[in-house]
Amino acid sequence: MVSGTWLIIVPPVSLIQLAPVSLAGWGLREAAMVVVLAGFGVSAAAALAISVLMGLALIVLGLPGGLIWLVDWGAAAATPDLPPNDSEIFDPEISARSHCAISAAGTSEGDLAETGLRKD
């Protein structure tokens, strides 16, 4: 079987295994692989073995992320220390002045004089 053939086989089988009728697609993936690979002349036993190996590879690839999620490594260090009060972060007066400065960037000097941002 040509290696480019897997680009035709794997995407539909992956979509079939996403159907919410089994646990992690086990059973659906195997059935789909047996049916699809039979069209390429692969025996049912070989197709089943390939599919099970694909499922085991997915588990092995997902284990590091699962362990990190379970142990919660580094999650406490990643959260920043925030001040207890949001008013210390957001000052509406400063925000309004910043907005005027940003929106006045494309205006004429007469408009700047009206906003009070232009110093004479």
PDB file of N, CA and C in Angstrom:
ATOM      1  N   MET A   1       0.850  -1.172   0.000  1.00  0.00           N
ATOM      2  CA  MET A   1       0.000   0.000   0.000  1.00  0.00           C
ATOM      3  C   MET A   1       0.899   1.238   0.000  1.00  0.00           C
ATOM      4  N   VAL A   2       0.583   2.178  -0.849  1.00  0.00           N
ATOM      5  CA  VAL A   2       1.360   3.410  -0.975  1.00  0.00           C
ATOM      6  C   VAL A   2       1.111   4.278   0.259  1.00  0.00           C
ATOM      7  N   SER A   3       2.172   4.959   0.740  1.00  0.00           N
ATOM      8  CA  SER A   3       2.035   5.751   1.969  1.00  0.00           C
ATOM      9  C   SER A   3       1.065   6.923   1.793  1.00  0.00           C
ATOM     10  N   GLY A   4       0.910   7.436   0.595  1.00  0.00           N
ATOM     11  CA  GLY A   4      -0.030   8.536   0.360  1.00  0.00           C
ATOM     12  C   GLY A   4      -1.483   8.102   0.526  1.00  0.00           C
ATOM     13  N   THR A   5      -1.711   6.800   0.477  1.00  0.00           N
ATOM     14  CA  THR A   5      -3.057   6.270   0.642  1.00  0.00           C
ATOM     15  C   THR A   5      -3.587   6.549   2.050  1.00  0.00           C
ATOM     16  N   TRP A   6      -2.694   6.619   3.026  1.00  0.00           N
ATOM     17  CA  TRP A   6      -3.126   6.898   4.399  1.00  0.00           C
ATOM     18  C   TRP A   6      -3.761   8.276   4.516  1.00  0.00           C
ATOM     19  N   LEU A   7      -3.371   9.197   3.640  1.00  0.00           N
ATOM     20  CA  LEU A   7      -3.999  10.526   3.644  1.00  0.00           C
ATOM     21  C   LEU A   7      -5.459  10.452   3.209  1.00  0.00           C
ATOM     22  N   ILE A   8      -5.808   9.399   2.499  1.00  0.00           N
ATOM     23  CA  ILE A   8      -7.193   9.200   2.080  1.00  0.00           C
ATOM     24  C   ILE A   8      -7.965   8.400   3.124  1.00  0.00           C
ATOM     25  N   ILE A   9      -7.290   7.489   3.821  1.00  0.00           N
ATOM     26  CA  ILE A   9      -7.954   6.573   4.749  1.00  0.00           C
ATOM     27  C   ILE A   9      -8.190   7.206   6.118  1.00  0.00           C
ATOM     28  N   VAL A  10      -7.188   7.846   6.685  1.00  0.00           N
ATOM     29  CA  VAL A  10      -7.252   8.285   8.082  1.00  0.00           C
ATOM     30  C   VAL A  10      -8.284   9.392   8.339  1.00  0.00           C
ATOM     31  N   PRO A  11      -8.413  10.435   7.528  1.00  0.00           N
ATOM     32  CA  PRO A  11      -9.402  11.484   7.859  1.00  0.00           C
ATOM     33  C   PRO A  11     -10.842  10.986   7.977  1.00  0.00           C
ATOM     34  N   PRO A  12     -11.357  10.177   7.036  1.00  0.00           N
ATOM     35  CA  PRO A  12     -12.736   9.717   7.234  1.00  0.00           C
ATOM     36  C   PRO A  12     -12.889   8.804   8.446  1.00  0.00           C
ATOM     37  N   VAL A  13     -11.901   7.965   8.689  1.00  0.00           N
ATOM     38  CA  VAL A  13     -11.965   7.081   9.855  1.00  0.00           C
ATOM     39  C   VAL A  13     -11.944   7.915  11.133  1.00  0.00           C
ATOM     40  N   SER A  14     -11.135   8.978  11.161  1.00  0.00           N
ATOM     41  CA  SER A  14     -11.087   9.856  12.332  1.00  0.00           C
ATOM     42  C   SER A  14     -12.423  10.545  12.556  1.00  0.00           C
ATOM     43  N   LEU A  15     -13.084  10.949  11.493  1.00  0.00           N
ATOM     44  CA  LEU A  15     -14.408  11.568  11.629  1.00  0.00           C
ATOM     45  C   LEU A  15     -15.434  10.570  12.143  1.00  0.00           C
ATOM     46  N   ILE A  16     -15.360   9.338  11.680  1.00  0.00           N
ATOM     47  CA  ILE A  16     -16.299   8.312  12.128  1.00  0.00           C
ATOM     48  C   ILE A  16     -16.107   8.034  13.616  1.00  0.00           C
ATOM     49  N   GLN A  17     -14.857   8.010  14.075  1.00  0.00           N
ATOM     50  CA  GLN A  17     -14.611   7.695  15.486  1.00  0.00           C
ATOM     51  C   GLN A  17     -15.085   8.810  16.416  1.00  0.00           C
ATOM     52  N   LEU A  18     -15.360   9.997  15.880  1.00  0.00           N
ATOM     53  CA  LEU A  18     -15.855  11.099  16.706  1.00  0.00           C
ATOM     54  C   LEU A  18     -17.340  10.996  17.037  1.00  0.00           C
ATOM     55  N   ALA A  19     -18.038  10.056  16.408  1.00  0.00           N
ATOM     56  CA  ALA A  19     -19.465   9.886  16.710  1.00  0.00           C
ATOM     57  C   ALA A  19     -19.621   9.534  18.193  1.00  0.00           C
ATOM     58  N   PRO A  20     -20.529  10.198  18.891  1.00  0.00           N
ATOM     59  CA  PRO A  20     -20.643  10.017  20.343  1.00  0.00           C
ATOM     60  C   PRO A  20     -21.413   8.759  20.759  1.00  0.00           C
ATOM     61  N   VAL A  21     -20.962   7.618  20.281  1.00  0.00           N
ATOM     62  CA  VAL A  21     -21.642   6.371  20.637  1.00  0.00           C
ATOM     63  C   VAL A  21     -20.709   5.384  21.334  1.00  0.00           C
ATOM     64  N   SER A  22     -19.440   5.715  21.456  1.00  0.00           N
ATOM     65  CA  SER A  22     -18.520   4.814  22.140  1.00  0.00           C
ATOM     66  C   SER A  22     -17.507   5.635  22.937  1.00  0.00           C
ATOM     67  N   LEU A  23     -16.750   4.955  23.759  1.00  0.00           N
ATOM     68  CA  LEU A  23     -15.754   5.607  24.591  1.00  0.00           C
ATOM     69  C   LEU A  23     -14.486   5.847  23.774  1.00  0.00           C
ATOM     70  N   ALA A  24     -14.195   7.118  23.497  1.00  0.00           N
ATOM     71  CA  ALA A  24     -12.997   7.539  22.757  1.00  0.00           C
ATOM     72  C   ALA A  24     -12.914   6.933  21.364  1.00  0.00           C
ATOM     73  N   GLY A  25     -14.031   6.549  20.794  1.00  0.00           N
ATOM     74  CA  GLY A  25     -14.040   6.044  19.433  1.00  0.00           C
ATOM     75  C   GLY A  25     -13.619   4.599  19.287  1.00  0.00           C
ATOM     76  N   TRP A  26     -13.354   3.917  20.420  1.00  0.00           N
ATOM     77  CA  TRP A  26     -12.971   2.513  20.348  1.00  0.00           C
ATOM     78  C   TRP A  26     -14.152   1.705  19.806  1.00  0.00           C
ATOM     79  N   GLY A  27     -13.885   0.856  18.879  1.00  0.00           N
ATOM     80  CA  GLY A  27     -14.924   0.046  18.247  1.00  0.00           C
ATOM     81  C   GLY A  27     -15.340   0.648  16.920  1.00  0.00           C
ATOM     82  N   LEU A  28     -15.667   1.926  16.926  1.00  0.00           N
ATOM     83  CA  LEU A  28     -16.008   2.598  15.668  1.00  0.00           C
ATOM     84  C   LEU A  28     -14.785   2.689  14.761  1.00  0.00           C
ATOM     85  N   ARG A  29     -13.658   3.101  15.353  1.00  0.00           N
ATOM     86  CA  ARG A  29     -12.432   3.225  14.570  1.00  0.00           C
ATOM     87  C   ARG A  29     -12.032   1.865  14.002  1.00  0.00           C
ATOM     88  N   GLU A  30     -12.133   0.825  14.834  1.00  0.00           N
ATOM     89  CA  GLU A  30     -11.734  -0.503  14.382  1.00  0.00           C
ATOM     90  C   GLU A  30     -12.635  -0.994  13.249  1.00  0.00           C
ATOM     91  N   ALA A  31     -13.940  -0.813  13.402  1.00  0.00           N
ATOM     92  CA  ALA A  31     -14.878  -1.248  12.358  1.00  0.00           C
ATOM     93  C   ALA A  31     -14.644  -0.481  11.058  1.00  0.00           C
ATOM     94  N   ALA A  32     -14.444   0.826  11.184  1.00  0.00           N
ATOM     95  CA  ALA A  32     -14.215   1.633   9.979  1.00  0.00           C
ATOM     96  C   ALA A  32     -12.916   1.242   9.288  1.00  0.00           C
ATOM     97  N   MET A  33     -11.867   0.996  10.070  1.00  0.00           N
ATOM     98  CA  MET A  33     -10.594   0.607   9.460  1.00  0.00           C
ATOM     99  C   MET A  33     -10.703  -0.744   8.765  1.00  0.00           C
ATOM    100  N   VAL A  34     -11.411  -1.694   9.367  1.00  0.00           N
ATOM    101  CA  VAL A  34     -11.575  -3.007   8.744  1.00  0.00           C
ATOM    102  C   VAL A  34     -12.322  -2.862   7.417  1.00  0.00           C
ATOM    103  N   VAL A  35     -13.374  -2.065   7.403  1.00  0.00           N
ATOM    104  CA  VAL A  35     -14.167  -1.883   6.177  1.00  0.00           C
ATOM    105  C   VAL A  35     -13.359  -1.151   5.109  1.00  0.00           C
ATOM    106  N   VAL A  36     -12.700  -0.054   5.498  1.00  0.00           N
ATOM    107  CA  VAL A  36     -11.974   0.747   4.510  1.00  0.00           C
ATOM    108  C   VAL A  36     -10.749  -0.004   3.977  1.00  0.00           C
ATOM    109  N   LEU A  37     -10.000  -0.632   4.869  1.00  0.00           N
ATOM    110  CA  LEU A  37      -8.788  -1.329   4.418  1.00  0.00           C
ATOM    111  C   LEU A  37      -9.108  -2.600   3.635  1.00  0.00           C
ATOM    112  N   ALA A  38     -10.321  -3.150   3.821  1.00  0.00           N
ATOM    113  CA  ALA A  38     -10.716  -4.303   3.006  1.00  0.00           C
ATOM    114  C   ALA A  38     -10.781  -3.916   1.533  1.00  0.00           C
ATOM    115  N   GLY A  39     -11.151  -2.671   1.274  1.00  0.00           N
ATOM    116  CA  GLY A  39     -11.177  -2.189  -0.106  1.00  0.00           C
ATOM    117  C   GLY A  39      -9.795  -2.084  -0.735  1.00  0.00           C
ATOM    118  N   PHE A  40      -8.762  -2.058   0.092  1.00  0.00           N
ATOM    119  CA  PHE A  40      -7.389  -2.009  -0.399  1.00  0.00           C
ATOM    120  C   PHE A  40      -6.715  -3.384  -0.338  1.00  0.00           C
ATOM    121  N   GLY A  41      -7.489  -4.424  -0.018  1.00  0.00           N
ATOM    122  CA  GLY A  41      -6.953  -5.774  -0.003  1.00  0.00           C
ATOM    123  C   GLY A  41      -6.253  -6.158   1.284  1.00  0.00           C
ATOM    124  N   VAL A  42      -6.482  -5.447   2.364  1.00  0.00           N
ATOM    125  CA  VAL A  42      -5.864  -5.764   3.656  1.00  0.00           C
ATOM    126  C   VAL A  42      -6.812  -6.689   4.418  1.00  0.00           C
ATOM    127  N   SER A  43      -6.255  -7.732   5.030  1.00  0.00           N
ATOM    128  CA  SER A  43      -7.093  -8.686   5.767  1.00  0.00           C
ATOM    129  C   SER A  43      -7.716  -8.006   6.987  1.00  0.00           C
ATOM    130  N   ALA A  44      -8.807  -8.584   7.481  1.00  0.00           N
ATOM    131  CA  ALA A  44      -9.519  -8.008   8.621  1.00  0.00           C
ATOM    132  C   ALA A  44      -8.646  -8.025   9.872  1.00  0.00           C
ATOM    133  N   ALA A  45      -7.876  -9.084  10.062  1.00  0.00           N
ATOM    134  CA  ALA A  45      -7.008  -9.175  11.245  1.00  0.00           C
ATOM    135  C   ALA A  45      -5.921  -8.107  11.209  1.00  0.00           C
ATOM    136  N   ALA A  46      -5.329  -7.897  10.050  1.00  0.00           N
ATOM    137  CA  ALA A  46      -4.281  -6.873   9.927  1.00  0.00           C
ATOM    138  C   ALA A  46      -4.879  -5.470  10.120  1.00  0.00           C
ATOM    139  N   ALA A  47      -6.059  -5.229   9.556  1.00  0.00           N
ATOM    140  CA  ALA A  47      -6.710  -3.925   9.699  1.00  0.00           C
ATOM    141  C   ALA A  47      -7.071  -3.659  11.155  1.00  0.00           C
ATOM    142  N   LEU A  48      -7.536  -4.684  11.849  1.00  0.00           N
ATOM    143  CA  LEU A  48      -7.870  -4.545  13.264  1.00  0.00           C
ATOM    144  C   LEU A  48      -6.611  -4.240  14.084  1.00  0.00           C
ATOM    145  N   ALA A  49      -5.517  -4.932  13.767  1.00  0.00           N
ATOM    146  CA  ALA A  49      -4.259  -4.693  14.476  1.00  0.00           C
ATOM    147  C   ALA A  49      -3.763  -3.269  14.242  1.00  0.00           C
ATOM    148  N   ILE A  50      -3.864  -2.790  13.013  1.00  0.00           N
ATOM    149  CA  ILE A  50      -3.441  -1.416  12.687  1.00  0.00           C
ATOM    150  C   ILE A  50      -4.291  -0.416  13.467  1.00  0.00           C
ATOM    151  N   SER A  51      -5.585  -0.658  13.531  1.00  0.00           N
ATOM    152  CA  SER A  51      -6.481   0.262  14.215  1.00  0.00           C
ATOM    153  C   SER A  51      -6.224   0.289  15.713  1.00  0.00           C
ATOM    154  N   VAL A  52      -5.997  -0.875  16.310  1.00  0.00           N
ATOM    155  CA  VAL A  52      -5.700  -0.931  17.745  1.00  0.00           C
ATOM    156  C   VAL A  52      -4.380  -0.213  18.028  1.00  0.00           C
ATOM    157  N   LEU A  53      -3.391  -0.404  17.165  1.00  0.00           N
ATOM    158  CA  LEU A  53      -2.110   0.299  17.344  1.00  0.00           C
ATOM    159  C   LEU A  53      -2.288   1.813  17.227  1.00  0.00           C
ATOM    160  N   MET A  54      -3.164   2.253  16.328  1.00  0.00           N
ATOM    161  CA  MET A  54      -3.450   3.686  16.223  1.00  0.00           C
ATOM    162  C   MET A  54      -4.081   4.203  17.510  1.00  0.00           C
ATOM    163  N   GLY A  55      -5.019   3.447  18.071  1.00  0.00           N
ATOM    164  CA  GLY A  55      -5.656   3.846  19.321  1.00  0.00           C
ATOM    165  C   GLY A  55      -4.665   3.904  20.471  1.00  0.00           C
ATOM    166  N   LEU A  56      -3.774   2.918  20.550  1.00  0.00           N
ATOM    167  CA  LEU A  56      -2.755   2.921  21.597  1.00  0.00           C
ATOM    168  C   LEU A  56      -1.782   4.085  21.424  1.00  0.00           C
ATOM    169  N   ALA A  57      -1.462   4.416  20.175  1.00  0.00           N
ATOM    170  CA  ALA A  57      -0.575   5.566  19.922  1.00  0.00           C
ATOM    171  C   ALA A  57      -1.235   6.860  20.384  1.00  0.00           C
ATOM    172  N   LEU A  58      -2.542   6.995  20.181  1.00  0.00           N
ATOM    173  CA  LEU A  58      -3.253   8.186  20.656  1.00  0.00           C
ATOM    174  C   LEU A  58      -3.215   8.287  22.176  1.00  0.00           C
ATOM    175  N   ILE A  59      -3.334   7.148  22.845  1.00  0.00           N
ATOM    176  CA  ILE A  59      -3.259   7.150  24.310  1.00  0.00           C
ATOM    177  C   ILE A  59      -1.872   7.570  24.770  1.00  0.00           C
ATOM    178  N   VAL A  60      -0.848   7.000  24.154  1.00  0.00           N
ATOM    179  CA  VAL A  60       0.533   7.326  24.537  1.00  0.00           C
ATOM    180  C   VAL A  60       0.820   8.809  24.298  1.00  0.00           C
ATOM    181  N   LEU A  61       0.321   9.348  23.197  1.00  0.00           N
ATOM    182  CA  LEU A  61       0.539  10.769  22.907  1.00  0.00           C
ATOM    183  C   LEU A  61      -0.220  11.675  23.882  1.00  0.00           C
ATOM    184  N   GLY A  62      -1.354  11.219  24.387  1.00  0.00           N
ATOM    185  CA  GLY A  62      -2.143  12.035  25.300  1.00  0.00           C
ATOM    186  C   GLY A  62      -1.742  11.910  26.760  1.00  0.00           C
ATOM    187  N   LEU A  63      -0.949  10.904  27.107  1.00  0.00           N
ATOM    188  CA  LEU A  63      -0.573  10.696  28.506  1.00  0.00           C
ATOM    189  C   LEU A  63       0.162  11.872  29.142  1.00  0.00           C
ATOM    190  N   PRO A  64       1.153  12.487  28.486  1.00  0.00           N
ATOM    191  CA  PRO A  64       1.827  13.621  29.142  1.00  0.00           C
ATOM    192  C   PRO A  64       0.869  14.755  29.492  1.00  0.00           C
ATOM    193  N   GLY A  65      -0.014  15.099  28.594  1.00  0.00           N
ATOM    194  CA  GLY A  65      -0.983  16.155  28.875  1.00  0.00           C
ATOM    195  C   GLY A  65      -1.943  15.763  29.982  1.00  0.00           C
ATOM    196  N   GLY A  66      -2.354  14.503  30.006  1.00  0.00           N
ATOM    197  CA  GLY A  66      -3.230  14.025  31.066  1.00  0.00           C
ATOM    198  C   GLY A  66      -2.558  14.060  32.425  1.00  0.00           C
ATOM    199  N   LEU A  67      -1.286  13.693  32.459  1.00  0.00           N
ATOM    200  CA  LEU A  67      -0.548  13.745  33.728  1.00  0.00           C
ATOM    201  C   LEU A  67      -0.398  15.179  34.220  1.00  0.00           C
ATOM    202  N   ILE A  68      -0.097  16.079  33.318  1.00  0.00           N
ATOM    203  CA  ILE A  68       0.018  17.488  33.704  1.00  0.00           C
ATOM    204  C   ILE A  68      -1.313  18.002  34.233  1.00  0.00           C
ATOM    205  N   TRP A  69      -2.396  17.619  33.603  1.00  0.00           N
ATOM    206  CA  TRP A  69      -3.716  18.058  34.042  1.00  0.00           C
ATOM    207  C   TRP A  69      -4.060  17.473  35.415  1.00  0.00           C
ATOM    208  N   LEU A  70      -3.745  16.192  35.617  1.00  0.00           N
ATOM    209  CA  LEU A  70      -4.060  15.550  36.895  1.00  0.00           C
ATOM    210  C   LEU A  70      -3.234  16.104  38.048  1.00  0.00           C
ATOM    211  N   VAL A  71      -1.939  16.316  37.805  1.00  0.00           N
ATOM    212  CA  VAL A  71      -1.047  16.756  38.867  1.00  0.00           C
ATOM    213  C   VAL A  71      -1.123  18.266  39.050  1.00  0.00           C
ATOM    214  N   ASP A  72      -1.585  18.980  38.026  1.00  0.00           N
ATOM    215  CA  ASP A  72      -1.711  20.435  38.068  1.00  0.00           C
ATOM    216  C   ASP A  72      -0.343  21.103  38.223  1.00  0.00           C
ATOM    217  N   TRP A  73       0.632  20.604  37.457  1.00  0.00           N
ATOM    218  CA  TRP A  73       1.991  21.134  37.520  1.00  0.00           C
ATOM    219  C   TRP A  73       2.036  22.569  37.043  1.00  0.00           C
ATOM    220  N   GLY A  74       2.577  23.434  37.824  1.00  0.00           N
ATOM    221  CA  GLY A  74       2.857  24.805  37.417  1.00  0.00           C
ATOM    222  C   GLY A  74       1.653  25.696  37.264  1.00  0.00           C
ATOM    223  N   ALA A  75       0.470  25.244  37.583  1.00  0.00           N
ATOM    224  CA  ALA A  75      -0.703  26.088  37.399  1.00  0.00           C
ATOM    225  C   ALA A  75      -0.710  27.238  38.402  1.00  0.00           C
ATOM    226  N   ALA A  76      -0.244  26.990  39.617  1.00  0.00           N
ATOM    227  CA  ALA A  76      -0.228  28.053  40.623  1.00  0.00           C
ATOM    228  C   ALA A  76       0.807  29.115  40.277  1.00  0.00           C
ATOM    229  N   ALA A  77       1.913  28.726  39.696  1.00  0.00           N
ATOM    230  CA  ALA A  77       2.953  29.691  39.340  1.00  0.00           C
ATOM    231  C   ALA A  77       2.559  30.525  38.130  1.00  0.00           C
ATOM    232  N   ALA A  78       1.653  30.021  37.308  1.00  0.00           N
ATOM    233  CA  ALA A  78       1.273  30.730  36.087  1.00  0.00           C
ATOM    234  C   ALA A  78       0.242  31.820  36.334  1.00  0.00           C
ATOM    235  N   THR A  79      -0.437  31.810  37.475  1.00  0.00           N
ATOM    236  CA  THR A  79      -1.458  32.821  37.727  1.00  0.00           C
ATOM    237  C   THR A  79      -0.808  34.067  38.333  1.00  0.00           C
ATOM    238  N   PRO A  80      -1.063  35.234  37.773  1.00  0.00           N
ATOM    239  CA  PRO A  80      -0.455  36.453  38.285  1.00  0.00           C
ATOM    240  C   PRO A  80      -1.125  36.904  39.586  1.00  0.00           C
ATOM    241  N   ASP A  81      -0.377  37.626  40.403  1.00  0.00           N
ATOM    242  CA  ASP A  81      -0.936  38.211  41.611  1.00  0.00           C
ATOM    243  C   ASP A  81      -1.673  39.484  41.240  1.00  0.00           C
ATOM    244  N   LEU A  82      -2.974  39.513  41.466  1.00  0.00           N
ATOM    245  CA  LEU A  82      -3.787  40.672  41.134  1.00  0.00           C
ATOM    246  C   LEU A  82      -4.068  41.464  42.400  1.00  0.00           C
ATOM    247  N   PRO A  83      -4.189  42.782  42.277  1.00  0.00           N
ATOM    248  CA  PRO A  83      -4.561  43.572  43.448  1.00  0.00           C
ATOM    249  C   PRO A  83      -5.970  43.196  43.897  1.00  0.00           C
ATOM    250  N   PRO A  84      -6.280  43.412  45.162  1.00  0.00           N
ATOM    251  CA  PRO A  84      -7.578  42.970  45.673  1.00  0.00           C
ATOM    252  C   PRO A  84      -8.762  43.741  45.114  1.00  0.00           C
ATOM    253  N   ASN A  85      -8.530  44.935  44.578  1.00  0.00           N
ATOM    254  CA  ASN A  85      -9.629  45.775  44.145  1.00  0.00           C
ATOM    255  C   ASN A  85      -9.412  46.157  42.686  1.00  0.00           C
ATOM    256  N   ASP A  86     -10.432  45.989  41.852  1.00  0.00           N
ATOM    257  CA  ASP A  86     -10.312  46.338  40.438  1.00  0.00           C
ATOM    258  C   ASP A  86     -10.163  47.838  40.221  1.00  0.00           C
ATOM    259  N   SER A  87     -10.598  48.658  41.160  1.00  0.00           N
ATOM    260  CA  SER A  87     -10.508  50.104  40.978  1.00  0.00           C
ATOM    261  C   SER A  87      -9.054  50.566  40.958  1.00  0.00           C
ATOM    262  N   GLU A  88      -8.152  49.768  41.525  1.00  0.00           N
ATOM    263  CA  GLU A  88      -6.742  50.117  41.473  1.00  0.00           C
ATOM    264  C   GLU A  88      -6.182  49.922  40.066  1.00  0.00           C
ATOM    265  N   ILE A  89      -6.832  49.085  39.288  1.00  0.00           N
ATOM    266  CA  ILE A  89      -6.360  48.809  37.932  1.00  0.00           C
ATOM    267  C   ILE A  89      -6.987  49.775  36.933  1.00  0.00           C
ATOM    268  N   PHE A  90      -8.274  50.035  37.066  1.00  0.00           N
ATOM    269  CA  PHE A  90      -9.007  50.802  36.062  1.00  0.00           C
ATOM    270  C   PHE A  90      -9.429  52.148  36.629  1.00  0.00           C
ATOM    271  N   ASP A  91      -8.921  53.190  36.053  1.00  0.00           N
ATOM    272  CA  ASP A  91      -9.317  54.541  36.428  1.00  0.00           C
ATOM    273  C   ASP A  91     -10.047  55.133  35.223  1.00  0.00           C
ATOM    274  N   PRO A  92     -11.361  55.376  35.304  1.00  0.00           N
ATOM    275  CA  PRO A  92     -12.122  55.847  34.143  1.00  0.00           C
ATOM    276  C   PRO A  92     -11.600  57.156  33.573  1.00  0.00           C
ATOM    277  N   GLU A  93     -11.086  58.027  34.421  1.00  0.00           N
ATOM    278  CA  GLU A  93     -10.588  59.315  33.934  1.00  0.00           C
ATOM    279  C   GLU A  93      -9.357  59.111  33.054  1.00  0.00           C
ATOM    280  N   ILE A  94      -8.459  58.275  33.496  1.00  0.00           N
ATOM    281  CA  ILE A  94      -7.264  57.998  32.692  1.00  0.00           C
ATOM    282  C   ILE A  94      -7.662  57.297  31.406  1.00  0.00           C
ATOM    283  N   SER A  95      -8.613  56.381  31.490  1.00  0.00           N
ATOM    284  CA  SER A  95      -9.062  55.666  30.304  1.00  0.00           C
ATOM    285  C   SER A  95      -9.676  56.626  29.290  1.00  0.00           C
ATOM    286  N   ALA A  96     -10.478  57.604  29.751  1.00  0.00           N
ATOM    287  CA  ALA A  96     -11.105  58.571  28.845  1.00  0.00           C
ATOM    288  C   ALA A  96     -10.056  59.446  28.187  1.00  0.00           C
ATOM    289  N   ARG A  97      -9.036  59.877  28.952  1.00  0.00           N
ATOM    290  CA  ARG A  97      -7.973  60.698  28.361  1.00  0.00           C
ATOM    291  C   ARG A  97      -7.188  59.900  27.331  1.00  0.00           C
ATOM    292  N   SER A  98      -6.922  58.648  27.628  1.00  0.00           N
ATOM    293  CA  SER A  98      -6.191  57.803  26.678  1.00  0.00           C
ATOM    294  C   SER A  98      -6.997  57.628  25.412  1.00  0.00           C
ATOM    295  N   HIS A  99      -8.309  57.442  25.566  1.00  0.00           N
ATOM    296  CA  HIS A  99      -9.169  57.271  24.399  1.00  0.00           C
ATOM    297  C   HIS A  99      -9.164  58.534  23.544  1.00  0.00           C
ATOM    298  N   CYS A 100      -9.215  59.701  24.167  1.00  0.00           N
ATOM    299  CA  CYS A 100      -9.173  60.957  23.417  1.00  0.00           C
ATOM    300  C   CYS A 100      -7.851  61.089  22.690  1.00  0.00           C
ATOM    301  N   ALA A 101      -6.770  60.722  23.345  1.00  0.00           N
ATOM    302  CA  ALA A 101      -5.456  60.834  22.717  1.00  0.00           C
ATOM    303  C   ALA A 101      -5.350  59.897  21.530  1.00  0.00           C
ATOM    304  N   ILE A 102      -5.906  58.711  21.672  1.00  0.00           N
ATOM    305  CA  ILE A 102      -5.840  57.753  20.575  1.00  0.00           C
ATOM    306  C   ILE A 102      -6.725  58.197  19.432  1.00  0.00           C
ATOM    307  N   SER A 103      -7.954  58.634  19.731  1.00  0.00           N
ATOM    308  CA  SER A 103      -8.865  59.024  18.661  1.00  0.00           C
ATOM    309  C   SER A 103      -8.461  60.358  18.044  1.00  0.00           C
ATOM    310  N   ALA A 104      -7.703  61.189  18.769  1.00  0.00           N
ATOM    311  CA  ALA A 104      -7.294  62.480  18.236  1.00  0.00           C
ATOM    312  C   ALA A 104      -6.064  62.379  17.358  1.00  0.00           C
ATOM    313  N   ALA A 105      -5.484  61.211  17.289  1.00  0.00           N
ATOM    314  CA  ALA A 105      -4.251  61.056  16.521  1.00  0.00           C
ATOM    315  C   ALA A 105      -4.457  61.362  15.047  1.00  0.00           C
ATOM    316  N   GLY A 106      -5.652  61.154  14.540  1.00  0.00           N
ATOM    317  CA  GLY A 106      -5.893  61.402  13.125  1.00  0.00           C
ATOM    318  C   GLY A 106      -6.653  62.684  12.858  1.00  0.00           C
ATOM    319  N   THR A 107      -6.751  63.593  13.809  1.00  0.00           N
ATOM    320  CA  THR A 107      -7.542  64.802  13.635  1.00  0.00           C
ATOM    321  C   THR A 107      -6.636  65.996  13.341  1.00  0.00           C
ATOM    322  N   SER A 108      -7.289  67.095  12.971  1.00  0.00           N
ATOM    323  CA  SER A 108      -6.536  68.311  12.675  1.00  0.00           C
ATOM    324  C   SER A 108      -6.162  69.019  13.971  1.00  0.00           C
ATOM    325  N   GLU A 109      -5.300  70.034  13.883  1.00  0.00           N
ATOM    326  CA  GLU A 109      -4.858  70.748  15.082  1.00  0.00           C
ATOM    327  C   GLU A 109      -6.002  71.531  15.723  1.00  0.00           C
ATOM    328  N   GLY A 110      -6.979  71.999  14.929  1.00  0.00           N
ATOM    329  CA  GLY A 110      -8.135  72.696  15.488  1.00  0.00           C
ATOM    330  C   GLY A 110      -8.957  71.779  16.383  1.00  0.00           C
ATOM    331  N   ASP A 111      -9.089  70.529  15.940  1.00  0.00           N
ATOM    332  CA  ASP A 111      -9.824  69.559  16.763  1.00  0.00           C
ATOM    333  C   ASP A 111      -9.070  69.267  18.048  1.00  0.00           C
ATOM    334  N   LEU A 112      -7.734  69.241  17.983  1.00  0.00           N
ATOM    335  CA  LEU A 112      -6.944  68.978  19.174  1.00  0.00           C
ATOM    336  C   LEU A 112      -7.094  70.105  20.189  1.00  0.00           C
ATOM    337  N   ALA A 113      -7.218  71.343  19.709  1.00  0.00           N
ATOM    338  CA  ALA A 113      -7.381  72.470  20.617  1.00  0.00           C
ATOM    339  C   ALA A 113      -8.710  72.359  21.358  1.00  0.00           C
ATOM    340  N   GLU A 114      -9.741  71.856  20.672  1.00  0.00           N
ATOM    341  CA  GLU A 114     -11.049  71.704  21.309  1.00  0.00           C
ATOM    342  C   GLU A 114     -11.024  70.622  22.382  1.00  0.00           C
ATOM    343  N   THR A 115     -10.238  69.587  22.191  1.00  0.00           N
ATOM    344  CA  THR A 115     -10.188  68.502  23.180  1.00  0.00           C
ATOM    345  C   THR A 115      -9.311  68.850  24.366  1.00  0.00           C
ATOM    346  N   GLY A 116      -8.488  69.861  24.241  1.00  0.00           N
ATOM    347  CA  GLY A 116      -7.594  70.224  25.341  1.00  0.00           C
ATOM    348  C   GLY A 116      -6.301  69.439  25.323  1.00  0.00           C
ATOM    349  N   LEU A 117      -6.072  68.661  24.278  1.00  0.00           N
ATOM    350  CA  LEU A 117      -4.842  67.871  24.214  1.00  0.00           C
ATOM    351  C   LEU A 117      -3.689  68.641  23.599  1.00  0.00           C
ATOM    352  N   ARG A 118      -4.007  69.703  22.881  1.00  0.00           N
ATOM    353  CA  ARG A 118      -2.946  70.492  22.249  1.00  0.00           C
ATOM    354  C   ARG A 118      -2.524  71.607  23.195  1.00  0.00           C
ATOM    355  N   LYS A 119      -1.237  71.713  23.441  1.00  0.00           N
ATOM    356  CA  LYS A 119      -0.734  72.779  24.311  1.00  0.00           C
ATOM    357  C   LYS A 119      -0.323  73.964  23.448  1.00  0.00           C
ATOM    358  N   ASP A 120      -0.823  75.142  23.787  1.00  0.00           N
ATOM    359  CA  ASP A 120      -0.487  76.340  23.003  1.00  0.00           C
ATOM    360  C   ASP A 120       0.704  77.048  23.600  1.00  0.00           C
TER     361      ASP A 120
END
